[in-house]
Amino acid sequence: MTLQRIPLTEAARRLKQIRQIVQVQGLVVLTSHDKPVLIVVEVERGKQLLEGVQQLARLLAADNLLGFARAIGAADEQRLGVNADWIGQALTDLQDDERVS
């Protein structure tokens, strides 16, 4: 792996841009040689997404109706449905970016 050297001021400028985009859009895809290598997500949104994945895992692991009901109740308590539109848009954006590159 070759490390690219850039001036500290340029690195600071790029990080500032990334922070601004994350605050506005909630998601940034950093690329290297036209290939996605890193996705940056706002901490709160990342936490919500991980909680959603955890609830999905509980749903898949549930072996009875009570287990399903508990997992659905926990997902509802965490208001995971609020992120549904954002998740769909983020996936669409990622797929569009992938097609373009």
C-alpha atoms as a PDB file:
ATOM      1  CA  MET A   1       0.000   0.000   0.000  1.00  0.00           C
ATOM      2  CA  THR A   2       1.408   3.367  -1.023  1.00  0.00           C
ATOM      3  CA  LEU A   3       0.810   6.286   1.300  1.00  0.00           C
ATOM      4  CA  GLN A   4       0.100   9.604  -0.320  1.00  0.00           C
ATOM      5  CA  ARG A   5       1.622  12.611   1.417  1.00  0.00           C
ATOM      6  CA  ILE A   6      -0.484  15.757   1.546  1.00  0.00           C
ATOM      7  CA  PRO A   7       0.064  19.006   3.428  1.00  0.00           C
ATOM      8  CA  LEU A   8      -1.553  19.236   6.863  1.00  0.00           C
ATOM      9  CA  THR A   9      -3.682  22.193   5.752  1.00  0.00           C
ATOM     10  CA  GLU A  10      -5.084  20.129   2.867  1.00  0.00           C
ATOM     11  CA  ALA A  11      -5.879  17.215   5.200  1.00  0.00           C
ATOM     12  CA  ALA A  12      -7.652  19.587   7.601  1.00  0.00           C
ATOM     13  CA  ARG A  13      -9.642  21.088   4.716  1.00  0.00           C
ATOM     14  CA  ARG A  14     -10.733  17.648   3.493  1.00  0.00           C
ATOM     15  CA  LEU A  15     -11.769  16.554   7.000  1.00  0.00           C
ATOM     16  CA  LYS A  16     -13.787  19.739   7.418  1.00  0.00           C
ATOM     17  CA  GLN A  17     -15.595  19.016   4.140  1.00  0.00           C
ATOM     18  CA  ILE A  18     -16.339  15.446   5.242  1.00  0.00           C
ATOM     19  CA  ARG A  19     -17.742  16.642   8.583  1.00  0.00           C
ATOM     20  CA  GLN A  20     -19.981  19.182   6.840  1.00  0.00           C
ATOM     21  CA  ILE A  21     -21.354  16.610   4.396  1.00  0.00           C
ATOM     22  CA  VAL A  22     -21.981  14.074   7.177  1.00  0.00           C
ATOM     23  CA  GLN A  23     -23.902  16.673   9.195  1.00  0.00           C
ATOM     24  CA  VAL A  24     -26.054  17.641   6.217  1.00  0.00           C
ATOM     25  CA  GLN A  25     -26.561  14.288   4.494  1.00  0.00           C
ATOM     26  CA  GLY A  26     -25.662  11.768   7.200  1.00  0.00           C
ATOM     27  CA  LEU A  27     -23.497   9.682   4.874  1.00  0.00           C
ATOM     28  CA  VAL A  28     -20.229  10.108   2.982  1.00  0.00           C
ATOM     29  CA  VAL A  29     -18.563   7.572   0.713  1.00  0.00           C
ATOM     30  CA  LEU A  30     -14.817   8.074   0.361  1.00  0.00           C
ATOM     31  CA  THR A  31     -13.258   6.525  -2.697  1.00  0.00           C
ATOM     32  CA  SER A  32      -9.811   5.519  -3.805  1.00  0.00           C
ATOM     33  CA  HIS A  33      -9.092   4.862  -7.471  1.00  0.00           C
ATOM     34  CA  ASP A  34     -12.836   5.036  -8.239  1.00  0.00           C
ATOM     35  CA  LYS A  35     -13.674   2.239  -5.791  1.00  0.00           C
ATOM     36  CA  PRO A  36     -15.599   2.745  -2.541  1.00  0.00           C
ATOM     37  CA  VAL A  37     -13.292   2.051   0.383  1.00  0.00           C
ATOM     38  CA  LEU A  38     -14.879   3.784   3.367  1.00  0.00           C
ATOM     39  CA  ILE A  39     -18.333   4.931   4.402  1.00  0.00           C
ATOM     40  CA  VAL A  40     -18.574   7.651   7.034  1.00  0.00           C
ATOM     41  CA  VAL A  41     -21.876   7.863   8.910  1.00  0.00           C
ATOM     42  CA  GLU A  42     -22.937  10.322  11.583  1.00  0.00           C
ATOM     43  CA  VAL A  43     -22.492   8.643  14.994  1.00  0.00           C
ATOM     44  CA  GLU A  44     -26.143   8.855  16.032  1.00  0.00           C
ATOM     45  CA  ARG A  45     -27.355   7.510  12.687  1.00  0.00           C
ATOM     46  CA  GLY A  46     -24.761   4.724  12.804  1.00  0.00           C
ATOM     47  CA  LYS A  47     -25.961   3.769  16.282  1.00  0.00           C
ATOM     48  CA  GLN A  48     -29.554   3.643  15.060  1.00  0.00           C
ATOM     49  CA  LEU A  49     -28.573   1.469  12.105  1.00  0.00           C
ATOM     50  CA  LEU A  50     -26.682  -0.959  14.347  1.00  0.00           C
ATOM     51  CA  GLU A  51     -29.681  -1.168  16.672  1.00  0.00           C
ATOM     52  CA  GLY A  52     -31.823  -1.941  13.631  1.00  0.00           C
ATOM     53  CA  VAL A  53     -29.501  -4.737  12.548  1.00  0.00           C
ATOM     54  CA  GLN A  54     -29.569  -6.103  16.094  1.00  0.00           C
ATOM     55  CA  GLN A  55     -33.383  -6.205  16.059  1.00  0.00           C
ATOM     56  CA  LEU A  56     -33.372  -7.892  12.649  1.00  0.00           C
ATOM     57  CA  ALA A  57     -30.988 -10.537  14.009  1.00  0.00           C
ATOM     58  CA  ARG A  58     -33.351 -11.086  16.944  1.00  0.00           C
ATOM     59  CA  LEU A  59     -36.280 -11.471  14.545  1.00  0.00           C
ATOM     60  CA  LEU A  60     -34.380 -14.018  12.479  1.00  0.00           C
ATOM     61  CA  ALA A  61     -33.287 -15.927  15.579  1.00  0.00           C
ATOM     62  CA  ALA A  62     -36.753 -15.972  17.182  1.00  0.00           C
ATOM     63  CA  ASP A  63     -38.182 -19.457  17.209  1.00  0.00           C
ATOM     64  CA  ASN A  64     -41.661 -18.625  18.451  1.00  0.00           C
ATOM     65  CA  LEU A  65     -44.326 -15.939  18.280  1.00  0.00           C
ATOM     66  CA  LEU A  66     -43.334 -14.457  21.635  1.00  0.00           C
ATOM     67  CA  GLY A  67     -39.748 -13.964  20.415  1.00  0.00           C
ATOM     68  CA  PHE A  68     -41.023 -12.240  17.279  1.00  0.00           C
ATOM     69  CA  ALA A  69     -43.305  -9.996  19.307  1.00  0.00           C
ATOM     70  CA  ARG A  70     -40.476  -8.975  21.651  1.00  0.00           C
ATOM     71  CA  ALA A  71     -38.130  -8.142  18.764  1.00  0.00           C
ATOM     72  CA  ILE A  72     -40.813  -6.138  16.967  1.00  0.00           C
ATOM     73  CA  GLY A  73     -41.684  -4.310  20.197  1.00  0.00           C
ATOM     74  CA  ALA A  74     -38.030  -3.402  20.783  1.00  0.00           C
ATOM     75  CA  ALA A  75     -37.689  -2.162  17.203  1.00  0.00           C
ATOM     76  CA  ASP A  76     -40.822  -0.048  17.624  1.00  0.00           C
ATOM     77  CA  GLU A  77     -39.513   1.401  20.909  1.00  0.00           C
ATOM     78  CA  GLN A  78     -36.311   2.482  19.192  1.00  0.00           C
ATOM     79  CA  ARG A  79     -38.370   4.110  16.415  1.00  0.00           C
ATOM     80  CA  LEU A  80     -36.373   2.302  13.738  1.00  0.00           C
ATOM     81  CA  GLY A  81     -39.083   2.946  11.163  1.00  0.00           C
ATOM     82  CA  VAL A  82     -38.099   6.618  11.211  1.00  0.00           C
ATOM     83  CA  ASN A  83     -34.883   5.679   9.366  1.00  0.00           C
ATOM     84  CA  ALA A  84     -36.581   3.634   6.653  1.00  0.00           C
ATOM     85  CA  ASP A  85     -36.689   6.455   4.085  1.00  0.00           C
ATOM     86  CA  TRP A  86     -33.130   7.549   4.835  1.00  0.00           C
ATOM     87  CA  ILE A  87     -31.811   3.978   4.576  1.00  0.00           C
ATOM     88  CA  GLY A  88     -33.571   3.478   1.243  1.00  0.00           C
ATOM     89  CA  GLN A  89     -32.206   6.750  -0.133  1.00  0.00           C
ATOM     90  CA  ALA A  90     -28.685   5.964   1.109  1.00  0.00           C
ATOM     91  CA  LEU A  91     -28.783   2.543  -0.588  1.00  0.00           C
ATOM     92  CA  THR A  92     -30.040   4.109  -3.813  1.00  0.00           C
ATOM     93  CA  ASP A  93     -27.283   6.731  -3.689  1.00  0.00           C
ATOM     94  CA  LEU A  94     -24.642   4.065  -3.092  1.00  0.00           C
ATOM     95  CA  GLN A  95     -25.927   1.986  -6.010  1.00  0.00           C
ATOM     96  CA  ASP A  96     -25.955   5.067  -8.259  1.00  0.00           C
ATOM     97  CA  ASP A  97     -22.388   5.940  -7.212  1.00  0.00           C
ATOM     98  CA  GLU A  98     -21.311   2.371  -7.914  1.00  0.00           C
ATOM     99  CA  ARG A  99     -22.800   2.475 -11.416  1.00  0.00           C
ATOM    100  CA  VAL A 100     -21.146   5.819 -12.172  1.00  0.00           C
ATOM    101  CA  SER A 101     -17.694   4.644 -11.085  1.00  0.00           C
END
